[in-house]
N, C-alpha and C. Protein backbone atom coordinates (compact mmCIF):
# COMPACT_ATOMS: atom_id res chain seq x y z
N TYR A 1 -16.26 -11.76 -13.03
CA TYR A 1 -14.98 -11.57 -13.63
C TYR A 1 -14.28 -12.90 -13.76
N ASN A 2 -13.31 -12.93 -14.62
CA ASN A 2 -12.62 -14.18 -14.93
C ASN A 2 -11.19 -14.09 -14.41
N ASN A 3 -10.85 -14.94 -13.45
CA ASN A 3 -9.50 -14.93 -12.88
C ASN A 3 -8.78 -16.21 -13.29
N GLU A 4 -8.05 -16.12 -14.38
CA GLU A 4 -7.29 -17.26 -14.87
C GLU A 4 -6.05 -17.47 -14.00
N PRO A 5 -5.55 -18.69 -13.90
CA PRO A 5 -4.33 -18.93 -13.13
C PRO A 5 -3.18 -18.06 -13.63
N GLY A 6 -2.50 -17.41 -12.69
CA GLY A 6 -1.38 -16.55 -13.03
C GLY A 6 -1.76 -15.14 -13.44
N GLU A 7 -3.04 -14.85 -13.61
CA GLU A 7 -3.50 -13.53 -14.02
C GLU A 7 -3.47 -12.57 -12.83
N VAL A 8 -2.94 -11.38 -13.02
CA VAL A 8 -2.90 -10.36 -11.98
C VAL A 8 -3.95 -9.32 -12.31
N LEU A 9 -4.85 -9.06 -11.36
CA LEU A 9 -5.98 -8.16 -11.60
C LEU A 9 -5.74 -6.74 -11.10
N TYR A 10 -4.51 -6.44 -10.69
CA TYR A 10 -4.23 -5.14 -10.12
C TYR A 10 -2.79 -4.75 -10.43
N GLU A 11 -2.49 -3.48 -10.25
CA GLU A 11 -1.14 -2.97 -10.45
C GLU A 11 -0.35 -3.18 -9.17
N THR A 12 0.67 -4.03 -9.20
CA THR A 12 1.41 -4.39 -7.99
C THR A 12 2.16 -3.21 -7.39
N MET A 13 2.34 -2.15 -8.13
CA MET A 13 3.03 -0.96 -7.61
C MET A 13 2.30 -0.37 -6.41
N PHE A 14 1.00 -0.56 -6.33
CA PHE A 14 0.21 0.02 -5.25
C PHE A 14 -0.22 -1.00 -4.20
N VAL A 15 0.22 -2.23 -4.31
CA VAL A 15 -0.17 -3.29 -3.37
C VAL A 15 0.85 -3.35 -2.24
N TRP A 16 0.41 -3.03 -1.02
CA TRP A 16 1.32 -2.95 0.11
C TRP A 16 1.68 -4.32 0.67
N ASN A 17 0.87 -5.32 0.47
CA ASN A 17 1.19 -6.65 1.01
C ASN A 17 1.59 -7.62 -0.09
N GLU A 18 2.05 -7.12 -1.22
CA GLU A 18 2.43 -8.00 -2.34
C GLU A 18 3.55 -8.95 -1.95
N PHE A 19 4.55 -8.46 -1.21
CA PHE A 19 5.66 -9.32 -0.79
C PHE A 19 5.17 -10.44 0.13
N LEU A 20 4.24 -10.12 1.02
CA LEU A 20 3.74 -11.12 1.97
C LEU A 20 2.85 -12.17 1.31
N THR A 21 2.14 -11.80 0.26
CA THR A 21 1.22 -12.74 -0.39
C THR A 21 1.81 -13.39 -1.63
N ARG A 22 3.00 -12.99 -2.03
CA ARG A 22 3.61 -13.51 -3.26
C ARG A 22 3.79 -15.03 -3.21
N GLY A 23 4.27 -15.55 -2.09
CA GLY A 23 4.51 -16.99 -1.98
C GLY A 23 3.26 -17.82 -2.17
N ILE A 24 2.19 -17.47 -1.47
CA ILE A 24 0.96 -18.25 -1.59
C ILE A 24 0.31 -18.04 -2.95
N SER A 25 0.41 -16.83 -3.49
CA SER A 25 -0.16 -16.58 -4.82
C SER A 25 0.55 -17.40 -5.89
N ASN A 26 1.88 -17.49 -5.80
CA ASN A 26 2.63 -18.30 -6.77
C ASN A 26 2.35 -19.78 -6.60
N HIS A 27 2.17 -20.21 -5.36
CA HIS A 27 1.90 -21.62 -5.09
C HIS A 27 0.51 -22.02 -5.60
N LEU A 28 -0.48 -21.17 -5.32
CA LEU A 28 -1.86 -21.47 -5.72
C LEU A 28 -2.13 -21.15 -7.18
N LYS A 29 -1.32 -20.27 -7.77
CA LYS A 29 -1.52 -19.82 -9.16
C LYS A 29 -2.88 -19.16 -9.35
N ASN A 30 -3.41 -18.56 -8.29
CA ASN A 30 -4.71 -17.92 -8.36
C ASN A 30 -4.76 -16.82 -7.31
N THR A 31 -5.11 -15.60 -7.70
CA THR A 31 -5.14 -14.48 -6.76
C THR A 31 -6.48 -14.34 -6.04
N LEU A 32 -7.44 -15.19 -6.31
CA LEU A 32 -8.72 -15.09 -5.62
C LEU A 32 -8.61 -15.40 -4.13
N TRP A 33 -7.56 -16.08 -3.72
CA TRP A 33 -7.42 -16.52 -2.33
C TRP A 33 -6.57 -15.57 -1.50
N THR A 34 -6.16 -14.46 -2.04
CA THR A 34 -5.40 -13.48 -1.28
C THR A 34 -6.14 -12.15 -1.26
N VAL A 35 -5.88 -11.37 -0.22
CA VAL A 35 -6.49 -10.05 -0.08
C VAL A 35 -5.45 -9.00 -0.48
N THR A 36 -5.82 -8.14 -1.39
CA THR A 36 -4.94 -7.09 -1.88
C THR A 36 -5.18 -5.82 -1.07
N LEU A 37 -4.11 -5.29 -0.45
CA LEU A 37 -4.22 -4.06 0.33
C LEU A 37 -3.63 -2.90 -0.46
N VAL A 38 -4.45 -1.90 -0.71
CA VAL A 38 -4.01 -0.70 -1.41
C VAL A 38 -4.19 0.47 -0.46
N TYR A 39 -3.10 1.22 -0.25
CA TYR A 39 -3.12 2.37 0.64
C TYR A 39 -3.47 3.60 -0.18
N GLY A 40 -4.56 4.26 0.20
CA GLY A 40 -4.95 5.43 -0.57
C GLY A 40 -6.04 6.23 0.10
N PHE A 41 -6.72 7.03 -0.69
CA PHE A 41 -7.72 7.95 -0.19
C PHE A 41 -8.86 8.03 -1.20
N PHE A 42 -10.08 8.13 -0.69
CA PHE A 42 -11.27 8.24 -1.54
C PHE A 42 -12.16 9.32 -0.93
N LYS A 43 -12.59 10.25 -1.73
CA LYS A 43 -13.48 11.31 -1.26
C LYS A 43 -14.44 11.70 -2.37
N GLN A 44 -15.73 11.80 -2.02
CA GLN A 44 -16.74 12.25 -2.97
C GLN A 44 -17.47 13.43 -2.35
N ALA A 45 -17.63 14.48 -3.12
CA ALA A 45 -18.32 15.67 -2.65
C ALA A 45 -19.35 16.10 -3.68
N SER A 46 -20.50 16.53 -3.19
CA SER A 46 -21.56 17.06 -4.05
C SER A 46 -21.61 18.58 -3.88
N PHE A 47 -21.82 19.28 -4.97
CA PHE A 47 -21.94 20.73 -4.89
C PHE A 47 -22.82 21.22 -6.03
N SER A 48 -23.23 22.47 -5.92
CA SER A 48 -24.11 23.06 -6.92
C SER A 48 -23.52 24.38 -7.40
N VAL A 49 -23.55 24.58 -8.71
CA VAL A 49 -23.07 25.82 -9.32
C VAL A 49 -24.13 26.27 -10.31
N SER A 50 -24.63 27.47 -10.13
CA SER A 50 -25.65 28.05 -11.01
C SER A 50 -26.85 27.12 -11.19
N GLY A 51 -27.27 26.49 -10.11
CA GLY A 51 -28.44 25.62 -10.15
C GLY A 51 -28.19 24.22 -10.70
N ARG A 52 -26.97 23.92 -11.08
CA ARG A 52 -26.64 22.58 -11.59
C ARG A 52 -25.87 21.81 -10.53
N SER A 53 -26.25 20.57 -10.32
CA SER A 53 -25.60 19.73 -9.32
C SER A 53 -24.44 18.95 -9.94
N PHE A 54 -23.37 18.86 -9.19
CA PHE A 54 -22.18 18.13 -9.62
C PHE A 54 -21.69 17.23 -8.50
N LYS A 55 -21.00 16.18 -8.88
CA LYS A 55 -20.32 15.33 -7.91
C LYS A 55 -18.85 15.27 -8.31
N LEU A 56 -18.00 15.51 -7.35
CA LEU A 56 -16.56 15.47 -7.56
C LEU A 56 -16.01 14.24 -6.83
N LEU A 57 -15.22 13.46 -7.52
CA LEU A 57 -14.67 12.23 -6.96
C LEU A 57 -13.15 12.29 -7.02
N LEU A 58 -12.50 12.06 -5.89
CA LEU A 58 -11.04 12.05 -5.81
C LEU A 58 -10.58 10.68 -5.33
N ILE A 59 -9.73 10.06 -6.12
CA ILE A 59 -9.14 8.77 -5.75
C ILE A 59 -7.63 8.93 -5.82
N ALA A 60 -6.95 8.64 -4.73
CA ALA A 60 -5.49 8.74 -4.68
C ALA A 60 -4.93 7.43 -4.15
N ARG A 61 -3.86 6.95 -4.78
CA ARG A 61 -3.20 5.74 -4.31
C ARG A 61 -1.75 6.07 -4.01
N ARG A 62 -1.20 5.37 -3.04
CA ARG A 62 0.18 5.60 -2.65
C ARG A 62 1.02 4.40 -3.05
N SER A 63 2.10 4.66 -3.75
CA SER A 63 2.97 3.58 -4.22
C SER A 63 3.76 2.98 -3.06
N CYS A 64 3.95 1.68 -3.10
CA CYS A 64 4.76 1.02 -2.08
C CYS A 64 6.24 1.02 -2.46
N HIS A 65 6.59 1.50 -3.64
CA HIS A 65 7.98 1.51 -4.10
C HIS A 65 8.69 2.83 -3.83
N TYR A 66 7.96 3.88 -3.54
CA TYR A 66 8.57 5.19 -3.35
C TYR A 66 8.30 5.68 -1.95
N GLU A 67 9.31 6.24 -1.33
CA GLU A 67 9.17 6.76 0.01
C GLU A 67 8.34 8.05 -0.03
N PRO A 68 7.46 8.24 0.94
CA PRO A 68 6.62 9.44 0.93
C PRO A 68 7.44 10.70 1.22
N ALA A 69 6.88 11.82 0.86
CA ALA A 69 7.53 13.11 1.12
C ALA A 69 7.65 13.31 2.62
N LYS A 70 8.73 13.89 3.03
CA LYS A 70 8.96 14.14 4.46
C LYS A 70 8.42 15.51 4.83
N ARG A 71 7.92 15.59 6.04
CA ARG A 71 7.48 16.87 6.57
C ARG A 71 8.51 17.31 7.59
N LEU A 72 8.99 18.49 7.43
CA LEU A 72 9.95 19.01 8.39
C LEU A 72 9.21 19.73 9.50
N ILE A 73 9.45 19.29 10.71
CA ILE A 73 8.80 19.90 11.87
C ILE A 73 9.90 20.46 12.75
N ALA A 74 9.84 21.74 13.00
CA ALA A 74 10.84 22.38 13.85
C ALA A 74 10.25 22.56 15.24
N PHE A 75 10.97 22.07 16.22
CA PHE A 75 10.55 22.23 17.60
C PHE A 75 11.39 23.33 18.25
N ASP A 76 10.72 24.30 18.80
CA ASP A 76 11.41 25.38 19.47
C ASP A 76 11.23 25.18 20.97
N TYR A 77 12.30 24.72 21.62
CA TYR A 77 12.20 24.45 23.05
C TYR A 77 12.55 25.67 23.89
N GLY A 78 13.01 26.71 23.25
CA GLY A 78 13.33 27.93 24.00
C GLY A 78 12.06 28.65 24.41
N VAL A 79 12.08 29.20 25.60
CA VAL A 79 10.90 29.91 26.09
C VAL A 79 11.19 31.38 26.17
């Protein structure tokens, strides 16, 4: 691949350490020297339907700009 100075090879919306690496990336003008951290999930499953084999692939990424959904947990301390 070709990484020209100043070229961004990823969507910064999903990069969790973009703020921490911004200074060195701007100074070096090259993203090859930084590690991009993307928070997400990857799952591949194989299955068969009517004798035909399939593979299902799920890729999910979490944005660093939006707060995740909250889970409400109710604790009942009464006995």
